[in-house]
């Protein structure tokens, strides 16, 4: 049972999984549509 602490943000942790991370942080459709419509 491991509880990670700190404020990690570095690409060195996760960049080898870039596509998976981008998938995790893909926006919901309504968010995407609102941003694209504004632009």
ModelCIF file with pLDDT and N, C-alpha, C, O atoms, coordinates in Angstrom:
data_MODEL
#
_entry.id   MODEL 
#
_entity.id                         1 
_entity.type                       polymer 
_entity.pdbx_number_of_molecules   1 
#
_entity_poly.entity_id                      1 
_entity_poly.type                           'polypeptide(L)' 
_entity_poly.nstd_linkage                   no 
_entity_poly.nstd_monomer                   no 
_entity_poly.pdbx_seq_one_letter_code       
;(UNK)(UNK)(UNK)(UNK)(UNK)(UNK)(UNK)(UNK)(UNK)(UNK)(UNK)(UNK)(UNK)(UNK)(UNK)(UNK)
(UNK)(UNK)(UNK)(UNK)(UNK)(UNK)(UNK)(UNK)(UNK)(UNK)(UNK)(UNK)(UNK)(UNK)(UNK)(UNK)
(UNK)(UNK)(UNK)(UNK)(UNK)(UNK)(UNK)
;
_entity_poly.pdbx_seq_one_letter_code_can   XXXXXXXXXXXXXXXXXXXXXXXXXXXXXXXXXXXXXXX 
_entity_poly.pdbx_strand_id                 A 
#
loop_
_entity_poly_seq.entity_id 
_entity_poly_seq.num 
_entity_poly_seq.mon_id 
_entity_poly_seq.hetero 
1 1  UNK n 
1 2  UNK n 
1 3  UNK n 
1 4  UNK n 
1 5  UNK n 
1 6  UNK n 
1 7  UNK n 
1 8  UNK n 
1 9  UNK n 
1 10 UNK n 
1 11 UNK n 
1 12 UNK n 
1 13 UNK n 
1 14 UNK n 
1 15 UNK n 
1 16 UNK n 
1 17 UNK n 
1 18 UNK n 
1 19 UNK n 
1 20 UNK n 
1 21 UNK n 
1 22 UNK n 
1 23 UNK n 
1 24 UNK n 
1 25 UNK n 
1 26 UNK n 
1 27 UNK n 
1 28 UNK n 
1 29 UNK n 
1 30 UNK n 
1 31 UNK n 
1 32 UNK n 
1 33 UNK n 
1 34 UNK n 
1 35 UNK n 
1 36 UNK n 
1 37 UNK n 
1 38 UNK n 
1 39 UNK n 
#
_struct_asym.id          A 
_struct_asym.entity_id   1 
#
loop_
_ma_qa_metric.id 
_ma_qa_metric.mode 
_ma_qa_metric.name 
_ma_qa_metric.software_group_id 
_ma_qa_metric.type 
1 global pLDDT . pLDDT 
2 local  pLDDT . pLDDT 
#
_ma_qa_metric_global.metric_id      1 
_ma_qa_metric_global.metric_value   97.51 
_ma_qa_metric_global.model_id       1 
_ma_qa_metric_global.ordinal_id     1 
#
loop_
_ma_qa_metric_local.label_asym_id 
_ma_qa_metric_local.label_comp_id 
_ma_qa_metric_local.label_seq_id 
_ma_qa_metric_local.metric_id 
_ma_qa_metric_local.metric_value 
_ma_qa_metric_local.model_id 
_ma_qa_metric_local.ordinal_id 
A UNK 1  2 97.00 1 1  
A UNK 2  2 98.00 1 2  
A UNK 3  2 98.00 1 3  
A UNK 4  2 98.00 1 4  
A UNK 5  2 98.00 1 5  
A UNK 6  2 97.00 1 6  
A UNK 7  2 96.00 1 7  
A UNK 8  2 97.00 1 8  
A UNK 9  2 96.00 1 9  
A UNK 10 2 98.00 1 10 
A UNK 11 2 98.00 1 11 
A UNK 12 2 98.00 1 12 
A UNK 13 2 98.00 1 13 
A UNK 14 2 98.00 1 14 
A UNK 15 2 98.00 1 15 
A UNK 16 2 98.00 1 16 
A UNK 17 2 98.00 1 17 
A UNK 18 2 98.00 1 18 
A UNK 19 2 98.00 1 19 
A UNK 20 2 98.00 1 20 
A UNK 21 2 98.00 1 21 
A UNK 22 2 98.00 1 22 
A UNK 23 2 98.00 1 23 
A UNK 24 2 98.00 1 24 
A UNK 25 2 98.00 1 25 
A UNK 26 2 98.00 1 26 
A UNK 27 2 98.00 1 27 
A UNK 28 2 98.00 1 28 
A UNK 29 2 98.00 1 29 
A UNK 30 2 97.00 1 30 
A UNK 31 2 97.00 1 31 
A UNK 32 2 97.00 1 32 
A UNK 33 2 97.00 1 33 
A UNK 34 2 96.00 1 34 
A UNK 35 2 97.00 1 35 
A UNK 36 2 97.00 1 36 
A UNK 37 2 97.00 1 37 
A UNK 38 2 96.00 1 38 
A UNK 39 2 97.00 1 39 
#
loop_
_atom_site.group_PDB 
_atom_site.id 
_atom_site.type_symbol 
_atom_site.label_atom_id 
_atom_site.label_alt_id 
_atom_site.label_comp_id 
_atom_site.label_asym_id 
_atom_site.label_entity_id 
_atom_site.label_seq_id 
_atom_site.pdbx_PDB_ins_code 
_atom_site.Cartn_x 
_atom_site.Cartn_y 
_atom_site.Cartn_z 
_atom_site.occupancy 
_atom_site.B_iso_or_equiv 
_atom_site.pdbx_formal_charge 
_atom_site.auth_seq_id 
_atom_site.auth_comp_id 
_atom_site.auth_asym_id 
_atom_site.auth_atom_id 
_atom_site.pdbx_PDB_model_num 
ATOM 1   N N  . UNK A 1 1  ? 0.854   -1.191 0.000   1.00 97.00 ? 1  UNK A N  1 
ATOM 2   C CA . UNK A 1 1  ? 0.000   0.000  0.000   1.00 97.00 ? 1  UNK A CA 1 
ATOM 3   C C  . UNK A 1 1  ? 0.892   1.245  0.000   1.00 97.00 ? 1  UNK A C  1 
ATOM 4   O O  . UNK A 1 1  ? 1.377   1.663  1.052   1.00 97.00 ? 1  UNK A O  1 
ATOM 5   N N  . UNK A 1 2  ? 1.105   1.827  -1.163  1.00 98.00 ? 2  UNK A N  1 
ATOM 6   C CA . UNK A 1 2  ? 2.044   2.950  -1.287  1.00 98.00 ? 2  UNK A CA 1 
ATOM 7   C C  . UNK A 1 2  ? 1.273   4.238  -1.577  1.00 98.00 ? 2  UNK A C  1 
ATOM 8   O O  . UNK A 1 2  ? 0.458   4.300  -2.497  1.00 98.00 ? 2  UNK A O  1 
ATOM 9   N N  . UNK A 1 3  ? 1.552   5.261  -0.770  1.00 98.00 ? 3  UNK A N  1 
ATOM 10  C CA . UNK A 1 3  ? 0.944   6.589  -0.923  1.00 98.00 ? 3  UNK A CA 1 
ATOM 11  C C  . UNK A 1 3  ? 2.059   7.539  -1.316  1.00 98.00 ? 3  UNK A C  1 
ATOM 12  O O  . UNK A 1 3  ? 2.867   7.931  -0.474  1.00 98.00 ? 3  UNK A O  1 
ATOM 13  N N  . UNK A 1 4  ? 2.109   7.917  -2.598  1.00 98.00 ? 4  UNK A N  1 
ATOM 14  C CA . UNK A 1 4  ? 3.153   8.826  -3.085  1.00 98.00 ? 4  UNK A CA 1 
ATOM 15  C C  . UNK A 1 4  ? 2.854   10.249 -2.608  1.00 98.00 ? 4  UNK A C  1 
ATOM 16  O O  . UNK A 1 4  ? 1.704   10.687 -2.623  1.00 98.00 ? 4  UNK A O  1 
ATOM 17  N N  . UNK A 1 5  ? 3.898   10.963 -2.186  1.00 98.00 ? 5  UNK A N  1 
ATOM 18  C CA . UNK A 1 5  ? 3.707   12.344 -1.739  1.00 98.00 ? 5  UNK A CA 1 
ATOM 19  C C  . UNK A 1 5  ? 4.667   13.275 -2.481  1.00 98.00 ? 5  UNK A C  1 
ATOM 20  O O  . UNK A 1 5  ? 5.643   12.839 -3.091  1.00 98.00 ? 5  UNK A O  1 
ATOM 21  N N  . UNK A 1 6  ? 4.360   14.559 -2.410  1.00 97.00 ? 6  UNK A N  1 
ATOM 22  C CA . UNK A 1 6  ? 5.167   15.559 -3.110  1.00 97.00 ? 6  UNK A CA 1 
ATOM 23  C C  . UNK A 1 6  ? 4.353   16.219 -4.208  1.00 97.00 ? 6  UNK A C  1 
ATOM 24  O O  . UNK A 1 6  ? 3.139   16.035 -4.304  1.00 97.00 ? 6  UNK A O  1 
ATOM 25  N N  . UNK A 1 7  ? 5.049   16.996 -5.039  1.00 96.00 ? 7  UNK A N  1 
ATOM 26  C CA . UNK A 1 7  ? 4.399   17.699 -6.155  1.00 96.00 ? 7  UNK A CA 1 
ATOM 27  C C  . UNK A 1 7  ? 5.063   17.292 -7.469  1.00 96.00 ? 7  UNK A C  1 
ATOM 28  O O  . UNK A 1 7  ? 5.567   18.157 -8.185  1.00 96.00 ? 7  UNK A O  1 
ATOM 29  N N  . UNK A 1 8  ? 5.076   16.002 -7.805  1.00 97.00 ? 8  UNK A N  1 
ATOM 30  C CA . UNK A 1 8  ? 5.788   15.585 -9.023  1.00 97.00 ? 8  UNK A CA 1 
ATOM 31  C C  . UNK A 1 8  ? 5.069   16.072 -10.279 1.00 97.00 ? 8  UNK A C  1 
ATOM 32  O O  . UNK A 1 8  ? 3.843   16.016 -10.366 1.00 97.00 ? 8  UNK A O  1 
ATOM 33  N N  . UNK A 1 9  ? 5.843   16.546 -11.243 1.00 96.00 ? 9  UNK A N  1 
ATOM 34  C CA . UNK A 1 9  ? 5.249   16.999 -12.512 1.00 96.00 ? 9  UNK A CA 1 
ATOM 35  C C  . UNK A 1 9  ? 6.159   16.672 -13.692 1.00 96.00 ? 9  UNK A C  1 
ATOM 36  O O  . UNK A 1 9  ? 5.750   16.816 -14.845 1.00 96.00 ? 9  UNK A O  1 
ATOM 37  N N  . UNK A 1 10 ? 7.382   16.236 -13.420 1.00 98.00 ? 10 UNK A N  1 
ATOM 38  C CA . UNK A 1 10 ? 8.405   16.106 -14.457 1.00 98.00 ? 10 UNK A CA 1 
ATOM 39  C C  . UNK A 1 10 ? 8.057   15.089 -15.544 1.00 98.00 ? 10 UNK A C  1 
ATOM 40  O O  . UNK A 1 10 ? 7.554   14.000 -15.266 1.00 98.00 ? 10 UNK A O  1 
ATOM 41  N N  . UNK A 1 11 ? 8.340   15.478 -16.792 1.00 98.00 ? 11 UNK A N  1 
ATOM 42  C CA . UNK A 1 11 ? 8.143   14.559 -17.932 1.00 98.00 ? 11 UNK A CA 1 
ATOM 43  C C  . UNK A 1 11 ? 8.998   13.306 -17.788 1.00 98.00 ? 11 UNK A C  1 
ATOM 44  O O  . UNK A 1 11 ? 8.704   12.288 -18.414 1.00 98.00 ? 11 UNK A O  1 
ATOM 45  N N  . UNK A 1 12 ? 10.056  13.362 -16.969 1.00 98.00 ? 12 UNK A N  1 
ATOM 46  C CA . UNK A 1 12 ? 10.945  12.195 -16.831 1.00 98.00 ? 12 UNK A CA 1 
ATOM 47  C C  . UNK A 1 12 ? 10.237  11.004 -16.185 1.00 98.00 ? 12 UNK A C  1 
ATOM 48  O O  . UNK A 1 12 ? 10.706  9.871  -16.298 1.00 98.00 ? 12 UNK A O  1 
ATOM 49  N N  . UNK A 1 13 ? 9.122   11.250 -15.515 1.00 98.00 ? 13 UNK A N  1 
ATOM 50  C CA . UNK A 1 13 ? 8.347   10.139 -14.929 1.00 98.00 ? 13 UNK A CA 1 
ATOM 51  C C  . UNK A 1 13 ? 7.509   9.406  -15.989 1.00 98.00 ? 13 UNK A C  1 
ATOM 52  O O  . UNK A 1 13 ? 7.396   8.180  -15.958 1.00 98.00 ? 13 UNK A O  1 
ATOM 53  N N  . UNK A 1 14 ? 6.926   10.163 -16.921 1.00 98.00 ? 14 UNK A N  1 
ATOM 54  C CA . UNK A 1 14 ? 5.840   9.589  -17.728 1.00 98.00 ? 14 UNK A CA 1 
ATOM 55  C C  . UNK A 1 14 ? 5.984   9.753  -19.243 1.00 98.00 ? 14 UNK A C  1 
ATOM 56  O O  . UNK A 1 14 ? 5.135   9.269  -19.991 1.00 98.00 ? 14 UNK A O  1 
ATOM 57  N N  . UNK A 1 15 ? 7.039   10.424 -19.708 1.00 98.00 ? 15 UNK A N  1 
ATOM 58  C CA . UNK A 1 15 ? 7.094   10.759 -21.138 1.00 98.00 ? 15 UNK A CA 1 
ATOM 59  C C  . UNK A 1 15 ? 7.199   9.513  -22.032 1.00 98.00 ? 15 UNK A C  1 
ATOM 60  O O  . UNK A 1 15 ? 6.803   9.550  -23.197 1.00 98.00 ? 15 UNK A O  1 
ATOM 61  N N  . UNK A 1 16 ? 7.733   8.412  -21.483 1.00 98.00 ? 16 UNK A N  1 
ATOM 62  C CA . UNK A 1 16 ? 7.799   7.162  -22.264 1.00 98.00 ? 16 UNK A CA 1 
ATOM 63  C C  . UNK A 1 16 ? 6.399   6.604  -22.513 1.00 98.00 ? 16 UNK A C  1 
ATOM 64  O O  . UNK A 1 16 ? 6.224   5.717  -23.348 1.00 98.00 ? 16 UNK A O  1 
ATOM 65  N N  . UNK A 1 17 ? 5.398   7.122  -21.788 1.00 98.00 ? 17 UNK A N  1 
ATOM 66  C CA . UNK A 1 17 ? 4.000   6.711  -21.977 1.00 98.00 ? 17 UNK A CA 1 
ATOM 67  C C  . UNK A 1 17 ? 3.177   7.866  -22.553 1.00 98.00 ? 17 UNK A C  1 
ATOM 68  O O  . UNK A 1 17 ? 1.974   7.964  -22.308 1.00 98.00 ? 17 UNK A O  1 
ATOM 69  N N  . UNK A 1 18 ? 3.824   8.719  -23.302 1.00 98.00 ? 18 UNK A N  1 
ATOM 70  C CA . UNK A 1 18 ? 3.174   9.968  -23.755 1.00 98.00 ? 18 UNK A CA 1 
ATOM 71  C C  . UNK A 1 18 ? 1.771   9.744  -24.328 1.00 98.00 ? 18 UNK A C  1 
ATOM 72  O O  . UNK A 1 18 ? 0.834   10.455 -23.965 1.00 98.00 ? 18 UNK A O  1 
ATOM 73  N N  . UNK A 1 19 ? 1.623   8.766  -25.213 1.00 98.00 ? 19 UNK A N  1 
ATOM 74  C CA . UNK A 1 19 ? 0.311   8.567  -25.837 1.00 98.00 ? 19 UNK A CA 1 
ATOM 75  C C  . UNK A 1 19 ? -0.759  8.185  -24.817 1.00 98.00 ? 19 UNK A C  1 
ATOM 76  O O  . UNK A 1 19 ? -1.905  8.627  -24.905 1.00 98.00 ? 19 UNK A O  1 
ATOM 77  N N  . UNK A 1 20 ? -0.370  7.359  -23.853 1.00 98.00 ? 20 UNK A N  1 
ATOM 78  C CA . UNK A 1 20 ? -1.332  6.972  -22.805 1.00 98.00 ? 20 UNK A CA 1 
ATOM 79  C C  . UNK A 1 20 ? -1.700  8.162  -21.927 1.00 98.00 ? 20 UNK A C  1 
ATOM 80  O O  . UNK A 1 20 ? -2.860  8.329  -21.550 1.00 98.00 ? 20 UNK A O  1 
ATOM 81  N N  . UNK A 1 21 ? -0.716  8.981  -21.606 1.00 98.00 ? 21 UNK A N  1 
ATOM 82  C CA . UNK A 1 21 ? -0.975  10.160 -20.767 1.00 98.00 ? 21 UNK A CA 1 
ATOM 83  C C  . UNK A 1 21 ? -1.875  11.148 -21.518 1.00 98.00 ? 21 UNK A C  1 
ATOM 84  O O  . UNK A 1 21 ? -2.788  11.731 -20.932 1.00 98.00 ? 21 UNK A O  1 
ATOM 85  N N  . UNK A 1 22 ? -1.616  11.332 -22.808 1.00 98.00 ? 22 UNK A N  1 
ATOM 86  C CA . UNK A 1 22 ? -2.470  12.220 -23.607 1.00 98.00 ? 22 UNK A CA 1 
ATOM 87  C C  . UNK A 1 22 ? -3.898  11.671 -23.681 1.00 98.00 ? 22 UNK A C  1 
ATOM 88  O O  . UNK A 1 22 ? -4.868  12.429 -23.705 1.00 98.00 ? 22 UNK A O  1 
ATOM 89  N N  . UNK A 1 23 ? -4.006  10.355 -23.716 1.00 98.00 ? 23 UNK A N  1 
ATOM 90  C CA . UNK A 1 23 ? -5.328  9.720  -23.722 1.00 98.00 ? 23 UNK A CA 1 
ATOM 91  C C  . UNK A 1 23 ? -6.052  9.984  -22.397 1.00 98.00 ? 23 UNK A C  1 
ATOM 92  O O  . UNK A 1 23 ? -7.237  10.318 -22.386 1.00 98.00 ? 23 UNK A O  1 
ATOM 93  N N  . UNK A 1 24 ? -5.322  9.828  -21.275 1.00 98.00 ? 24 UNK A N  1 
ATOM 94  C CA . UNK A 1 24 ? -5.909  10.089 -19.952 1.00 98.00 ? 24 UNK A CA 1 
ATOM 95  C C  . UNK A 1 24 ? -6.397  11.535 -19.855 1.00 98.00 ? 24 UNK A C  1 
ATOM 96  O O  . UNK A 1 24 ? -7.432  11.816 -19.252 1.00 98.00 ? 24 UNK A O  1 
ATOM 97  N N  . UNK A 1 25 ? -5.637  12.437 -20.457 1.00 98.00 ? 25 UNK A N  1 
ATOM 98  C CA . UNK A 1 25 ? -5.983  13.855 -20.387 1.00 98.00 ? 25 UNK A CA 1 
ATOM 99  C C  . UNK A 1 25 ? -6.670  14.335 -21.661 1.00 98.00 ? 25 UNK A C  1 
ATOM 100 O O  . UNK A 1 25 ? -6.553  15.503 -22.033 1.00 98.00 ? 25 UNK A O  1 
ATOM 101 N N  . UNK A 1 26 ? -7.381  13.438 -22.324 1.00 98.00 ? 26 UNK A N  1 
ATOM 102 C CA . UNK A 1 26 ? -8.191  13.894 -23.462 1.00 98.00 ? 26 UNK A CA 1 
ATOM 103 C C  . UNK A 1 26 ? -9.469  14.517 -22.897 1.00 98.00 ? 26 UNK A C  1 
ATOM 104 O O  . UNK A 1 26 ? -10.041 14.023 -21.925 1.00 98.00 ? 26 UNK A O  1 
ATOM 105 N N  . UNK A 1 27 ? -9.898  15.592 -23.515 1.00 98.00 ? 27 UNK A N  1 
ATOM 106 C CA . UNK A 1 27 ? -11.016 16.370 -22.991 1.00 98.00 ? 27 UNK A CA 1 
ATOM 107 C C  . UNK A 1 27 ? -12.358 15.724 -23.325 1.00 98.00 ? 27 UNK A C  1 
ATOM 108 O O  . UNK A 1 27 ? -12.500 15.034 -24.335 1.00 98.00 ? 27 UNK A O  1 
ATOM 109 N N  . UNK A 1 28 ? -13.324 15.960 -22.466 1.00 98.00 ? 28 UNK A N  1 
ATOM 110 C CA . UNK A 1 28 ? -14.699 15.581 -22.798 1.00 98.00 ? 28 UNK A CA 1 
ATOM 111 C C  . UNK A 1 28 ? -15.141 16.385 -24.025 1.00 98.00 ? 28 UNK A C  1 
ATOM 112 O O  . UNK A 1 28 ? -14.661 17.494 -24.262 1.00 98.00 ? 28 UNK A O  1 
ATOM 113 N N  . UNK A 1 29 ? -16.053 15.813 -24.790 1.00 98.00 ? 29 UNK A N  1 
ATOM 114 C CA . UNK A 1 29 ? -16.477 16.440 -26.046 1.00 98.00 ? 29 UNK A CA 1 
ATOM 115 C C  . UNK A 1 29 ? -16.963 17.872 -25.869 1.00 98.00 ? 29 UNK A C  1 
ATOM 116 O O  . UNK A 1 29 ? -16.626 18.744 -26.671 1.00 98.00 ? 29 UNK A O  1 
ATOM 117 N N  . UNK A 1 30 ? -17.759 18.126 -24.816 1.00 97.00 ? 30 UNK A N  1 
ATOM 118 C CA . UNK A 1 30 ? -18.337 19.465 -24.666 1.00 97.00 ? 30 UNK A CA 1 
ATOM 119 C C  . UNK A 1 30 ? -17.241 20.505 -24.372 1.00 97.00 ? 30 UNK A C  1 
ATOM 120 O O  . UNK A 1 30 ? -17.357 21.663 -24.773 1.00 97.00 ? 30 UNK A O  1 
ATOM 121 N N  . UNK A 1 31 ? -16.189 20.087 -23.676 1.00 97.00 ? 31 UNK A N  1 
ATOM 122 C CA . UNK A 1 31 ? -15.077 20.999 -23.372 1.00 97.00 ? 31 UNK A CA 1 
ATOM 123 C C  . UNK A 1 31 ? -14.316 21.313 -24.663 1.00 97.00 ? 31 UNK A C  1 
ATOM 124 O O  . UNK A 1 31 ? -13.981 22.461 -24.953 1.00 97.00 ? 31 UNK A O  1 
ATOM 125 N N  . UNK A 1 32 ? -14.060 20.252 -25.420 1.00 97.00 ? 32 UNK A N  1 
ATOM 126 C CA . UNK A 1 32 ? -13.342 20.361 -26.696 1.00 97.00 ? 32 UNK A CA 1 
ATOM 127 C C  . UNK A 1 32 ? -14.115 21.264 -27.666 1.00 97.00 ? 32 UNK A C  1 
ATOM 128 O O  . UNK A 1 32 ? -13.541 22.142 -28.310 1.00 97.00 ? 32 UNK A O  1 
ATOM 129 N N  . UNK A 1 33 ? -15.414 21.028 -27.753 1.00 97.00 ? 33 UNK A N  1 
ATOM 130 C CA . UNK A 1 33 ? -16.251 21.791 -28.692 1.00 97.00 ? 33 UNK A CA 1 
ATOM 131 C C  . UNK A 1 33 ? -16.273 23.276 -28.337 1.00 97.00 ? 33 UNK A C  1 
ATOM 132 O O  . UNK A 1 33 ? -16.194 24.139 -29.212 1.00 97.00 ? 33 UNK A O  1 
ATOM 133 N N  . UNK A 1 34 ? -16.383 23.560 -27.033 1.00 96.00 ? 34 UNK A N  1 
ATOM 134 C CA . UNK A 1 34 ? -16.431 24.962 -26.598 1.00 96.00 ? 34 UNK A CA 1 
ATOM 135 C C  . UNK A 1 34 ? -15.113 25.678 -26.940 1.00 96.00 ? 34 UNK A C  1 
ATOM 136 O O  . UNK A 1 34 ? -15.122 26.813 -27.417 1.00 96.00 ? 34 UNK A O  1 
ATOM 137 N N  . UNK A 1 35 ? -13.987 25.004 -26.692 1.00 97.00 ? 35 UNK A N  1 
ATOM 138 C CA . UNK A 1 35 ? -12.680 25.609 -26.976 1.00 97.00 ? 35 UNK A CA 1 
ATOM 139 C C  . UNK A 1 35 ? -12.507 25.832 -28.478 1.00 97.00 ? 35 UNK A C  1 
ATOM 140 O O  . UNK A 1 35 ? -12.094 26.907 -28.910 1.00 97.00 ? 35 UNK A O  1 
ATOM 141 N N  . UNK A 1 36 ? -12.824 24.812 -29.261 1.00 97.00 ? 36 UNK A N  1 
ATOM 142 C CA . UNK A 1 36 ? -12.652 24.933 -30.721 1.00 97.00 ? 36 UNK A CA 1 
ATOM 143 C C  . UNK A 1 36 ? -13.572 25.986 -31.330 1.00 97.00 ? 36 UNK A C  1 
ATOM 144 O O  . UNK A 1 36 ? -13.208 26.689 -32.273 1.00 97.00 ? 36 UNK A O  1 
ATOM 145 N N  . UNK A 1 37 ? -14.766 26.073 -30.766 1.00 97.00 ? 37 UNK A N  1 
ATOM 146 C CA . UNK A 1 37 ? -15.739 27.070 -31.250 1.00 97.00 ? 37 UNK A CA 1 
ATOM 147 C C  . UNK A 1 37 ? -15.216 28.481 -30.964 1.00 97.00 ? 37 UNK A C  1 
ATOM 148 O O  . UNK A 1 37 ? -15.312 29.368 -31.811 1.00 97.00 ? 37 UNK A O  1 
ATOM 149 N N  . UNK A 1 38 ? -14.675 28.675 -29.785 1.00 96.00 ? 38 UNK A N  1 
ATOM 150 C CA . UNK A 1 38 ? -14.128 29.984 -29.418 1.00 96.00 ? 38 UNK A CA 1 
ATOM 151 C C  . UNK A 1 38 ? -12.965 30.350 -30.350 1.00 96.00 ? 38 UNK A C  1 
ATOM 152 O O  . UNK A 1 38 ? -12.902 31.462 -30.873 1.00 96.00 ? 38 UNK A O  1 
ATOM 153 N N  . UNK A 1 39 ? -12.055 29.403 -30.547 1.00 97.00 ? 39 UNK A N  1 
ATOM 154 C CA . UNK A 1 39 ? -10.891 29.661 -31.405 1.00 97.00 ? 39 UNK A CA 1 
ATOM 155 C C  . UNK A 1 39 ? -11.325 29.960 -32.843 1.00 97.00 ? 39 UNK A C  1 
ATOM 156 O O  . UNK A 1 39 ? -10.480 30.202 -33.705 1.00 97.00 ? 39 UNK A O  1 
#
